[in-house]
Each structure stands twice: as structure tokens, then as C-alpha cells.
């Protein structure tokens, strides 16, 4: 299996080591489609973050957009996607980059599972397992969420969850995917 899909540390044309990480993107306030596209572009401009997989791999670095039913209080449907980045940043630095990007889109954390202009979650960082006061890897609820697993399975079906040892595709087969639809432009 290619290292890009297993999350192993890989060497690139650069002199530093990169780690593959999977990021979930979601939005249900404002122009959500444009927000996600712009967020991806901004993340890629961060030094040490590179959207993509190796050129010889037959997978895409980002999923298509999906319309998904919200979790939590009544609110508009979400637009969701996932992307694979390669990074030289630490997991904590990636998290800080995600939080800063959310803030740049006016994200306010007022209500758990409430509506948001932009939600960015670090799902996987290689095969790293960690649990600190600010970051848990892999994401602690990703295996329960079709709105994460459907787009992630599109781009990384064979990435193995480092705790339960199931692939993303296997995890996807265990959740109800009703309410998750490819967005048709």
C-alpha cells in the first residue's frame, strides 16, 4: 500500500520529512462551497503544508463536495469535504493552522455542534495516536460520522485507523450514509 494512504512518513523531493495528514472541512453558513475552496487554498499556502499525494498515485488529494444533514440543533445542511495534506509541521502546529484558518473565516465557537462558517478537523496525522488537552488523534468521533467517512473514503479508502486497525472503507461500511449526497453544481 502506498505510504500516502497508510499515513507513514514519506520522503519527498524536499530535504525534510513529510507526514500525511487527513483533514475534514465543513461549512453551513454563507457561501459554503466557496468557503471550502478558499480554505483549501489558504491551507496550501502555509509553509510546511502541501495538498496532494505523490504524482504516481492513482488517488486524488481532495474529495468532491458533499451536502450533508446537520448533527445537533436545527440548522442548515452542511457542505463537507476531506483532503490529504503532506506536512513538515507537528500535529499541534497543524491544529493551530486549522484554528487560525477557521478564525480567518469568522468562526465563533458558541454552541456545540452549532452552525459554522468553517469547521476544520485533523482526522489523521500519519499513524500517530495521541490524547492531550488540546488534541486527540485520530479524531475521536470520526469513525461514527458518515459526513467525514464518505468523503475520506473517496480519497483514502485504505488508510488504516491506528487504534481499531480498520480501514476507512471498513469504517464507512459500519455507518448509515443516508443524508450524505454528492453536491451537484
N, C-alpha and C. Protein backbone atom coordinates (compact mmCIF):
# COMPACT_ATOMS: atom_id res chain seq x y z
N UNK A 1 0.84 -1.17 0.00
CA UNK A 1 0.00 0.00 0.00
C UNK A 1 0.89 1.24 0.00
N UNK A 2 0.52 2.28 -0.80
CA UNK A 2 1.35 3.48 -0.84
C UNK A 2 1.40 4.17 0.51
N UNK A 3 2.52 4.76 0.87
CA UNK A 3 2.63 5.43 2.16
C UNK A 3 1.63 6.56 2.30
N UNK A 4 1.21 7.19 1.21
CA UNK A 4 0.25 8.28 1.29
C UNK A 4 -1.08 7.81 1.86
N UNK A 5 -1.41 6.55 1.69
CA UNK A 5 -2.68 6.04 2.17
C UNK A 5 -2.57 5.39 3.54
N UNK A 6 -1.41 4.98 3.92
CA UNK A 6 -1.25 4.38 5.24
C UNK A 6 -0.91 5.42 6.28
N UNK A 7 -0.50 6.61 5.82
CA UNK A 7 -0.14 7.67 6.74
C UNK A 7 1.31 7.60 7.18
N UNK A 8 2.10 6.70 6.63
CA UNK A 8 3.50 6.59 7.02
C UNK A 8 4.24 7.88 6.65
N UNK A 9 5.31 8.13 7.35
CA UNK A 9 6.16 9.26 7.00
C UNK A 9 6.83 8.93 5.67
N UNK A 10 6.82 9.90 4.77
CA UNK A 10 7.42 9.68 3.46
C UNK A 10 8.45 10.75 3.18
N UNK A 11 9.41 10.41 2.35
CA UNK A 11 10.41 11.38 1.92
C UNK A 11 9.97 11.90 0.56
N UNK A 12 10.11 13.20 0.35
CA UNK A 12 9.72 13.78 -0.92
C UNK A 12 10.96 14.37 -1.57
N UNK A 13 10.72 15.12 -2.64
CA UNK A 13 11.81 15.79 -3.32
C UNK A 13 12.46 16.84 -2.44
N UNK A 14 11.79 17.22 -1.35
CA UNK A 14 12.37 18.17 -0.41
C UNK A 14 13.35 17.42 0.49
N UNK A 15 14.12 18.19 1.24
CA UNK A 15 15.10 17.57 2.11
C UNK A 15 14.51 17.19 3.46
N UNK A 16 13.31 17.64 3.78
CA UNK A 16 12.71 17.34 5.08
C UNK A 16 11.70 16.20 4.96
N UNK A 17 11.36 15.65 6.11
CA UNK A 17 10.38 14.57 6.13
C UNK A 17 8.98 15.17 6.19
N UNK A 18 8.07 14.55 5.48
CA UNK A 18 6.68 14.97 5.49
C UNK A 18 5.84 13.84 6.05
N UNK A 19 4.77 14.21 6.71
CA UNK A 19 3.80 13.25 7.21
C UNK A 19 2.47 13.54 6.54
N UNK A 20 1.81 12.50 6.08
CA UNK A 20 0.48 12.66 5.50
C UNK A 20 -0.51 12.90 6.62
N UNK A 21 -1.41 13.83 6.39
CA UNK A 21 -2.49 14.06 7.36
C UNK A 21 -3.79 14.24 6.60
N UNK A 22 -4.87 13.80 7.23
CA UNK A 22 -6.20 13.92 6.64
C UNK A 22 -6.97 14.98 7.40
N UNK A 23 -7.60 15.87 6.64
CA UNK A 23 -8.34 16.98 7.22
C UNK A 23 -9.76 16.96 6.67
N UNK A 24 -10.74 17.14 7.58
CA UNK A 24 -12.14 17.28 7.20
C UNK A 24 -12.49 18.76 7.17
N UNK A 25 -13.28 19.14 6.18
CA UNK A 25 -13.73 20.52 6.04
C UNK A 25 -15.25 20.54 6.01
N UNK A 26 -15.85 21.50 6.67
CA UNK A 26 -17.30 21.63 6.66
C UNK A 26 -17.71 23.07 6.83
N UNK A 27 -18.89 23.41 6.28
CA UNK A 27 -19.43 24.76 6.40
C UNK A 27 -20.93 24.71 6.16
N UNK A 28 -21.68 25.52 6.92
CA UNK A 28 -23.11 25.64 6.63
C UNK A 28 -23.63 27.07 6.80
N UNK A 29 -22.74 28.03 6.86
CA UNK A 29 -23.13 29.44 6.89
C UNK A 29 -22.42 30.18 5.77
N UNK A 30 -23.12 31.05 5.09
CA UNK A 30 -22.52 31.81 3.99
C UNK A 30 -22.41 30.95 2.74
N UNK A 31 -21.50 31.32 1.87
CA UNK A 31 -21.25 30.57 0.64
C UNK A 31 -20.31 29.41 0.96
N UNK A 32 -20.89 28.31 1.42
CA UNK A 32 -20.10 27.19 1.94
C UNK A 32 -19.18 26.58 0.90
N UNK A 33 -19.64 26.47 -0.33
CA UNK A 33 -18.78 25.89 -1.36
C UNK A 33 -17.52 26.75 -1.55
N UNK A 34 -17.71 28.05 -1.67
CA UNK A 34 -16.57 28.95 -1.86
C UNK A 34 -15.68 28.96 -0.63
N UNK A 35 -16.29 28.91 0.55
CA UNK A 35 -15.52 28.88 1.79
C UNK A 35 -14.57 27.70 1.82
N UNK A 36 -15.06 26.52 1.47
CA UNK A 36 -14.22 25.32 1.49
C UNK A 36 -13.11 25.42 0.45
N UNK A 37 -13.43 25.89 -0.74
CA UNK A 37 -12.40 26.02 -1.78
C UNK A 37 -11.32 27.02 -1.35
N UNK A 38 -11.74 28.14 -0.78
CA UNK A 38 -10.78 29.15 -0.34
C UNK A 38 -9.96 28.64 0.84
N UNK A 39 -10.60 27.92 1.75
CA UNK A 39 -9.87 27.35 2.90
C UNK A 39 -8.78 26.39 2.44
N UNK A 40 -9.09 25.54 1.46
CA UNK A 40 -8.08 24.63 0.93
C UNK A 40 -6.90 25.40 0.35
N UNK A 41 -7.20 26.45 -0.40
CA UNK A 41 -6.12 27.26 -0.99
C UNK A 41 -5.28 27.94 0.09
N UNK A 42 -5.94 28.44 1.13
CA UNK A 42 -5.19 29.09 2.22
C UNK A 42 -4.31 28.09 2.97
N UNK A 43 -4.84 26.91 3.22
CA UNK A 43 -4.04 25.89 3.92
C UNK A 43 -2.82 25.51 3.11
N UNK A 44 -2.98 25.43 1.81
CA UNK A 44 -1.86 25.05 0.97
C UNK A 44 -0.77 26.13 0.93
N UNK A 45 -1.13 27.36 1.22
CA UNK A 45 -0.14 28.45 1.23
C UNK A 45 0.66 28.49 2.53
N UNK A 46 0.28 27.71 3.52
CA UNK A 46 1.00 27.69 4.79
C UNK A 46 2.31 26.93 4.59
N UNK A 47 3.40 27.54 5.01
CA UNK A 47 4.70 26.89 4.88
C UNK A 47 4.69 25.57 5.66
N UNK A 48 5.08 24.50 5.00
CA UNK A 48 5.09 23.19 5.62
C UNK A 48 3.84 22.38 5.37
N UNK A 49 2.89 22.94 4.62
CA UNK A 49 1.66 22.22 4.27
C UNK A 49 1.58 22.10 2.75
N UNK A 50 1.33 20.89 2.26
CA UNK A 50 1.24 20.66 0.82
C UNK A 50 0.05 19.77 0.54
N UNK A 51 -0.92 20.28 -0.23
CA UNK A 51 -2.07 19.48 -0.63
C UNK A 51 -1.62 18.52 -1.70
N UNK A 52 -1.91 17.23 -1.51
CA UNK A 52 -1.59 16.31 -2.58
C UNK A 52 -1.03 14.99 -2.13
N UNK A 53 -0.98 14.13 -3.10
CA UNK A 53 -0.37 12.81 -2.95
C UNK A 53 0.74 12.74 -3.98
N UNK A 54 1.51 11.68 -3.94
CA UNK A 54 2.59 11.52 -4.90
C UNK A 54 2.01 11.47 -6.31
N UNK A 55 2.75 12.00 -7.27
CA UNK A 55 2.27 12.11 -8.65
C UNK A 55 1.94 10.76 -9.26
N UNK A 56 2.60 9.70 -8.83
CA UNK A 56 2.38 8.39 -9.44
C UNK A 56 1.24 7.61 -8.76
N UNK A 57 0.53 8.23 -7.83
CA UNK A 57 -0.55 7.53 -7.13
C UNK A 57 -1.89 7.81 -7.82
N UNK A 58 -2.75 6.79 -7.94
CA UNK A 58 -4.00 6.94 -8.67
C UNK A 58 -5.14 7.51 -7.81
N UNK A 59 -4.83 8.25 -6.76
CA UNK A 59 -5.88 8.82 -5.91
C UNK A 59 -5.79 10.34 -5.95
N UNK A 60 -6.88 10.96 -5.58
CA UNK A 60 -6.92 12.42 -5.55
C UNK A 60 -6.57 12.92 -4.16
N UNK A 61 -6.13 14.15 -4.08
CA UNK A 61 -5.75 14.75 -2.81
C UNK A 61 -6.95 15.31 -2.05
N UNK A 62 -8.04 15.53 -2.75
CA UNK A 62 -9.22 16.07 -2.09
C UNK A 62 -10.48 15.43 -2.66
N UNK A 63 -11.47 15.35 -1.83
CA UNK A 63 -12.73 14.75 -2.26
C UNK A 63 -13.58 15.77 -3.00
N UNK A 64 -14.62 15.27 -3.59
CA UNK A 64 -15.64 16.19 -4.09
C UNK A 64 -16.38 16.76 -2.89
N UNK A 65 -17.26 17.70 -3.14
CA UNK A 65 -18.07 18.28 -2.08
C UNK A 65 -19.32 17.44 -1.87
N UNK A 66 -19.76 17.37 -0.62
CA UNK A 66 -20.96 16.61 -0.27
C UNK A 66 -21.91 17.51 0.52
N UNK A 67 -23.18 17.35 0.27
CA UNK A 67 -24.22 18.00 1.06
C UNK A 67 -24.64 17.00 2.12
N UNK A 68 -24.64 17.45 3.38
CA UNK A 68 -24.91 16.52 4.47
C UNK A 68 -25.89 17.12 5.47
N UNK A 69 -26.68 16.26 6.06
CA UNK A 69 -27.61 16.67 7.10
C UNK A 69 -26.83 17.07 8.34
N UNK A 70 -27.26 18.13 9.04
CA UNK A 70 -26.53 18.57 10.23
C UNK A 70 -26.70 17.64 11.42
N UNK A 71 -25.72 17.66 12.30
CA UNK A 71 -25.78 16.98 13.59
C UNK A 71 -25.99 18.07 14.63
N UNK A 72 -26.88 17.85 15.58
CA UNK A 72 -27.09 18.85 16.64
C UNK A 72 -28.35 19.64 16.44
N UNK A 73 -28.34 20.90 16.88
CA UNK A 73 -29.56 21.72 16.84
C UNK A 73 -30.01 22.00 15.41
N UNK A 74 -31.27 22.42 15.24
CA UNK A 74 -31.75 22.76 13.89
C UNK A 74 -30.87 23.83 13.25
N UNK A 75 -30.48 23.56 12.00
CA UNK A 75 -29.58 24.46 11.27
C UNK A 75 -29.56 24.03 9.81
N UNK A 76 -28.97 24.85 8.94
CA UNK A 76 -28.89 24.49 7.52
C UNK A 76 -28.01 23.25 7.31
N UNK A 77 -28.22 22.60 6.15
CA UNK A 77 -27.36 21.48 5.76
C UNK A 77 -25.92 21.97 5.62
N UNK A 78 -25.00 21.03 5.74
CA UNK A 78 -23.58 21.32 5.60
C UNK A 78 -23.09 20.97 4.21
N UNK A 79 -22.01 21.60 3.84
CA UNK A 79 -21.19 21.17 2.72
C UNK A 79 -19.91 20.63 3.36
N UNK A 80 -19.54 19.40 3.01
CA UNK A 80 -18.37 18.75 3.61
C UNK A 80 -17.43 18.23 2.53
N UNK A 81 -16.17 18.10 2.90
CA UNK A 81 -15.15 17.51 2.03
C UNK A 81 -14.01 17.04 2.93
N UNK A 82 -13.09 16.29 2.35
CA UNK A 82 -11.86 15.89 3.03
C UNK A 82 -10.69 16.11 2.08
N UNK A 83 -9.52 16.29 2.66
CA UNK A 83 -8.31 16.50 1.86
C UNK A 83 -7.13 15.83 2.55
N UNK A 84 -6.17 15.43 1.73
CA UNK A 84 -4.92 14.87 2.23
C UNK A 84 -3.83 15.92 2.01
N UNK A 85 -3.18 16.27 3.09
CA UNK A 85 -2.03 17.17 3.03
C UNK A 85 -0.79 16.40 3.45
N UNK A 86 0.33 16.86 2.99
CA UNK A 86 1.62 16.38 3.48
C UNK A 86 2.24 17.56 4.20
N UNK A 87 2.77 17.30 5.37
CA UNK A 87 3.25 18.40 6.20
C UNK A 87 4.56 18.09 6.90
N UNK A 88 5.31 19.14 7.11
CA UNK A 88 6.51 19.05 7.94
C UNK A 88 6.21 19.63 9.32
N UNK A 89 4.99 20.10 9.53
CA UNK A 89 4.57 20.66 10.82
C UNK A 89 4.25 19.54 11.80
N UNK A 90 4.35 19.83 13.08
CA UNK A 90 3.92 18.86 14.10
C UNK A 90 2.39 18.82 14.14
N UNK A 91 1.81 17.79 14.76
CA UNK A 91 0.35 17.76 14.87
C UNK A 91 -0.22 19.02 15.54
N UNK A 92 0.44 19.49 16.57
CA UNK A 92 -0.03 20.69 17.28
C UNK A 92 0.04 21.92 16.37
N UNK A 93 1.08 22.01 15.54
CA UNK A 93 1.20 23.12 14.61
C UNK A 93 0.13 23.05 13.52
N UNK A 94 -0.18 21.83 13.06
CA UNK A 94 -1.26 21.68 12.09
C UNK A 94 -2.58 22.14 12.73
N UNK A 95 -2.84 21.71 13.96
CA UNK A 95 -4.06 22.13 14.65
C UNK A 95 -4.12 23.65 14.75
N UNK A 96 -3.03 24.30 15.13
CA UNK A 96 -3.03 25.76 15.23
C UNK A 96 -3.29 26.41 13.88
N UNK A 97 -2.75 25.84 12.81
CA UNK A 97 -3.00 26.36 11.46
C UNK A 97 -4.49 26.21 11.11
N UNK A 98 -5.09 25.09 11.49
CA UNK A 98 -6.52 24.88 11.22
C UNK A 98 -7.37 25.88 12.00
N UNK A 99 -7.05 26.07 13.28
CA UNK A 99 -7.81 27.01 14.11
C UNK A 99 -7.67 28.44 13.59
N UNK A 100 -6.47 28.82 13.18
CA UNK A 100 -6.26 30.16 12.63
C UNK A 100 -7.03 30.36 11.33
N UNK A 101 -7.08 29.32 10.51
CA UNK A 101 -7.82 29.39 9.26
C UNK A 101 -9.31 29.53 9.55
N UNK A 102 -9.83 28.74 10.48
CA UNK A 102 -11.24 28.88 10.88
C UNK A 102 -11.52 30.32 11.33
N UNK A 103 -10.67 30.84 12.18
CA UNK A 103 -10.86 32.20 12.71
C UNK A 103 -10.86 33.24 11.59
N UNK A 104 -10.04 33.02 10.56
CA UNK A 104 -9.97 33.97 9.45
C UNK A 104 -11.27 34.01 8.66
N UNK A 105 -12.10 32.99 8.81
CA UNK A 105 -13.41 32.95 8.17
C UNK A 105 -14.53 33.36 9.14
N UNK A 106 -14.14 33.88 10.30
CA UNK A 106 -15.13 34.35 11.26
C UNK A 106 -15.74 33.27 12.13
N UNK A 107 -15.08 32.13 12.25
CA UNK A 107 -15.60 31.05 13.07
C UNK A 107 -15.65 31.47 14.53
N UNK A 108 -16.82 31.34 15.13
CA UNK A 108 -17.02 31.59 16.55
C UNK A 108 -17.51 30.31 17.18
N UNK A 109 -16.93 29.92 18.29
CA UNK A 109 -17.31 28.69 18.98
C UNK A 109 -18.29 29.02 20.10
N UNK A 110 -19.57 29.08 19.73
CA UNK A 110 -20.60 29.46 20.69
C UNK A 110 -21.41 28.27 21.18
N UNK A 111 -21.67 27.33 20.29
CA UNK A 111 -22.59 26.25 20.60
C UNK A 111 -22.01 24.94 20.06
N UNK A 112 -22.00 23.91 20.89
CA UNK A 112 -21.50 22.62 20.43
C UNK A 112 -22.39 22.11 19.30
N UNK A 113 -21.77 21.71 18.25
CA UNK A 113 -22.44 21.20 17.04
C UNK A 113 -23.35 22.24 16.40
N UNK A 114 -23.10 23.50 16.68
CA UNK A 114 -23.90 24.57 16.10
C UNK A 114 -23.43 24.91 14.70
N UNK A 115 -24.16 25.80 14.02
CA UNK A 115 -23.78 26.21 12.67
C UNK A 115 -22.43 26.92 12.68
N UNK A 116 -21.74 26.85 11.55
CA UNK A 116 -20.41 27.47 11.48
C UNK A 116 -20.05 27.87 10.06
N UNK A 117 -19.26 28.93 10.00
CA UNK A 117 -18.77 29.38 8.70
C UNK A 117 -17.75 28.39 8.15
N UNK A 118 -16.93 27.83 9.04
CA UNK A 118 -15.92 26.86 8.62
C UNK A 118 -15.54 25.98 9.80
N UNK A 119 -15.49 24.69 9.56
CA UNK A 119 -15.05 23.73 10.56
C UNK A 119 -13.95 22.89 9.92
N UNK A 120 -12.79 22.88 10.55
CA UNK A 120 -11.65 22.09 10.07
C UNK A 120 -11.24 21.14 11.17
N UNK A 121 -11.18 19.85 10.85
CA UNK A 121 -10.78 18.84 11.84
C UNK A 121 -9.60 18.05 11.31
N UNK A 122 -8.61 17.87 12.18
CA UNK A 122 -7.48 16.99 11.88
C UNK A 122 -7.91 15.58 12.23
N UNK A 123 -8.08 14.74 11.20
CA UNK A 123 -8.58 13.38 11.39
C UNK A 123 -7.46 12.41 11.70
N UNK A 124 -6.45 12.39 10.84
CA UNK A 124 -5.28 11.53 10.97
C UNK A 124 -4.04 12.39 10.81
N UNK A 125 -3.00 12.04 11.52
CA UNK A 125 -1.67 12.60 11.31
C UNK A 125 -0.76 11.39 11.25
N UNK A 126 -0.52 10.91 10.01
CA UNK A 126 0.20 9.66 9.85
C UNK A 126 -0.53 8.58 10.61
N UNK A 127 0.22 7.79 11.37
CA UNK A 127 -0.42 6.76 12.21
C UNK A 127 -0.31 7.15 13.68
N UNK A 128 -0.14 8.44 13.93
CA UNK A 128 0.04 8.96 15.29
C UNK A 128 -1.21 8.77 16.13
N UNK A 129 -1.00 8.30 17.36
CA UNK A 129 -2.05 8.20 18.36
C UNK A 129 -1.63 9.11 19.51
N UNK A 130 -2.49 10.06 19.86
CA UNK A 130 -2.18 10.95 20.97
C UNK A 130 -3.46 11.50 21.58
N UNK A 131 -3.38 11.85 22.84
CA UNK A 131 -4.54 12.41 23.54
C UNK A 131 -4.02 13.44 24.54
N UNK A 132 -4.14 14.71 24.17
CA UNK A 132 -3.73 15.80 25.04
C UNK A 132 -4.95 16.66 25.34
N UNK A 133 -4.77 17.69 26.14
CA UNK A 133 -5.89 18.57 26.45
C UNK A 133 -6.38 19.34 25.23
N UNK A 134 -5.54 19.48 24.21
CA UNK A 134 -5.94 20.25 23.03
C UNK A 134 -6.13 19.42 21.76
N UNK A 135 -5.64 18.19 21.75
CA UNK A 135 -5.69 17.41 20.50
C UNK A 135 -5.74 15.91 20.78
N UNK A 136 -6.69 15.25 20.12
CA UNK A 136 -6.78 13.79 20.17
C UNK A 136 -6.64 13.27 18.75
N UNK A 137 -5.72 12.33 18.56
CA UNK A 137 -5.51 11.69 17.27
C UNK A 137 -5.54 10.19 17.43
N UNK A 138 -6.19 9.51 16.49
CA UNK A 138 -7.01 10.08 15.45
C UNK A 138 -8.23 10.78 16.04
N UNK A 139 -8.95 11.52 15.20
CA UNK A 139 -10.12 12.26 15.67
C UNK A 139 -11.05 11.28 16.40
N UNK A 140 -11.48 11.62 17.61
CA UNK A 140 -12.18 10.64 18.45
C UNK A 140 -13.57 10.21 17.98
N UNK A 141 -14.21 10.97 17.10
CA UNK A 141 -15.56 10.59 16.65
C UNK A 141 -15.66 10.36 15.15
N UNK A 142 -14.53 10.41 14.46
CA UNK A 142 -14.59 10.28 13.00
C UNK A 142 -15.21 8.96 12.56
N UNK A 143 -14.97 7.89 13.31
CA UNK A 143 -15.47 6.56 12.92
C UNK A 143 -17.00 6.45 13.02
N UNK A 144 -17.64 7.45 13.63
CA UNK A 144 -19.10 7.46 13.79
C UNK A 144 -19.78 8.36 12.77
N UNK A 145 -19.04 9.10 12.00
CA UNK A 145 -19.58 10.19 11.20
C UNK A 145 -19.51 9.93 9.70
N UNK A 146 -20.67 9.67 9.12
CA UNK A 146 -20.73 9.46 7.68
C UNK A 146 -20.27 10.69 6.91
N UNK A 147 -20.56 11.89 7.43
CA UNK A 147 -20.18 13.11 6.72
C UNK A 147 -18.66 13.29 6.65
N UNK A 148 -17.93 12.54 7.47
CA UNK A 148 -16.46 12.51 7.39
C UNK A 148 -16.01 11.31 6.57
N UNK A 149 -16.58 10.15 6.85
CA UNK A 149 -16.10 8.91 6.23
C UNK A 149 -16.41 8.82 4.74
N UNK A 150 -17.54 9.35 4.29
CA UNK A 150 -17.86 9.28 2.85
C UNK A 150 -16.81 10.03 2.03
N UNK A 151 -16.54 11.31 2.32
CA UNK A 151 -15.50 11.97 1.51
C UNK A 151 -14.10 11.42 1.75
N UNK A 152 -13.81 10.99 2.97
CA UNK A 152 -12.48 10.43 3.24
C UNK A 152 -12.27 9.12 2.49
N UNK A 153 -13.30 8.30 2.43
CA UNK A 153 -13.20 7.03 1.70
C UNK A 153 -13.00 7.24 0.20
N UNK A 154 -13.47 8.36 -0.30
CA UNK A 154 -13.29 8.67 -1.71
C UNK A 154 -11.80 8.85 -2.04
N UNK A 155 -11.03 9.41 -1.11
CA UNK A 155 -9.63 9.74 -1.40
C UNK A 155 -8.62 8.87 -0.66
N UNK A 156 -9.06 8.19 0.40
CA UNK A 156 -8.11 7.37 1.18
C UNK A 156 -8.81 6.15 1.77
N UNK A 157 -9.41 5.31 0.93
CA UNK A 157 -10.18 4.18 1.45
C UNK A 157 -9.35 3.16 2.23
N UNK A 158 -8.07 3.09 1.95
CA UNK A 158 -7.22 2.08 2.58
C UNK A 158 -6.40 2.61 3.76
N UNK A 159 -6.60 3.87 4.12
CA UNK A 159 -5.89 4.41 5.29
C UNK A 159 -6.41 3.69 6.52
N UNK A 160 -5.52 3.11 7.27
CA UNK A 160 -5.88 2.29 8.41
C UNK A 160 -5.91 3.13 9.69
N UNK A 161 -7.04 3.06 10.40
CA UNK A 161 -7.20 3.73 11.69
C UNK A 161 -6.20 3.10 12.65
N UNK A 162 -5.30 3.89 13.25
CA UNK A 162 -4.23 3.30 14.06
C UNK A 162 -4.66 2.71 15.40
N UNK A 163 -5.89 2.95 15.81
CA UNK A 163 -6.37 2.39 17.08
C UNK A 163 -7.15 1.10 16.84
N UNK A 164 -8.19 1.17 15.98
CA UNK A 164 -9.01 -0.03 15.78
C UNK A 164 -8.56 -0.88 14.59
N UNK A 165 -7.56 -0.42 13.87
CA UNK A 165 -6.94 -1.16 12.76
C UNK A 165 -7.87 -1.45 11.59
N UNK A 166 -8.96 -0.72 11.49
CA UNK A 166 -9.86 -0.86 10.34
C UNK A 166 -9.53 0.22 9.32
N UNK A 167 -9.74 -0.10 8.05
CA UNK A 167 -9.55 0.90 7.00
C UNK A 167 -10.72 1.87 7.01
N UNK A 168 -10.51 2.99 6.37
CA UNK A 168 -11.59 3.98 6.24
C UNK A 168 -12.79 3.34 5.54
N UNK A 169 -12.52 2.55 4.53
CA UNK A 169 -13.62 1.88 3.81
C UNK A 169 -14.39 0.94 4.75
N UNK A 170 -13.69 0.21 5.58
CA UNK A 170 -14.36 -0.69 6.54
C UNK A 170 -15.17 0.12 7.55
N UNK A 171 -14.63 1.23 8.01
CA UNK A 171 -15.37 2.09 8.94
C UNK A 171 -16.63 2.64 8.28
N UNK A 172 -16.49 3.05 7.02
CA UNK A 172 -17.64 3.58 6.28
C UNK A 172 -18.76 2.56 6.17
N UNK A 173 -18.41 1.30 5.97
CA UNK A 173 -19.42 0.25 5.84
C UNK A 173 -20.20 0.01 7.13
N UNK A 174 -19.77 0.61 8.24
CA UNK A 174 -20.43 0.41 9.53
C UNK A 174 -21.34 1.57 9.94
N UNK A 175 -21.44 2.61 9.09
CA UNK A 175 -22.27 3.76 9.44
C UNK A 175 -23.39 3.94 8.42
N UNK A 176 -24.43 4.61 8.84
CA UNK A 176 -25.56 4.94 7.99
C UNK A 176 -25.18 6.16 7.16
N UNK A 177 -25.18 6.02 5.85
CA UNK A 177 -24.75 7.11 4.98
C UNK A 177 -25.93 7.90 4.40
N UNK A 178 -27.14 7.60 4.84
CA UNK A 178 -28.26 8.40 4.36
C UNK A 178 -28.06 9.82 4.88
N UNK A 179 -28.39 10.78 4.08
CA UNK A 179 -28.16 12.16 4.45
C UNK A 179 -26.84 12.72 3.97
N UNK A 180 -26.05 11.91 3.23
CA UNK A 180 -24.79 12.39 2.66
C UNK A 180 -24.88 12.20 1.15
N UNK A 181 -24.88 13.33 0.41
CA UNK A 181 -25.08 13.28 -1.04
C UNK A 181 -24.01 14.09 -1.75
N UNK A 182 -23.48 13.56 -2.86
CA UNK A 182 -22.54 14.36 -3.65
C UNK A 182 -23.22 15.66 -4.08
N UNK A 183 -22.52 16.74 -3.96
CA UNK A 183 -23.05 18.03 -4.35
C UNK A 183 -22.97 18.16 -5.86
N UNK A 184 -24.08 18.42 -6.47
CA UNK A 184 -24.12 18.59 -7.91
C UNK A 184 -24.19 20.08 -8.18
N UNK A 185 -23.17 20.58 -8.86
CA UNK A 185 -23.10 22.04 -9.11
C UNK A 185 -24.15 22.49 -10.09
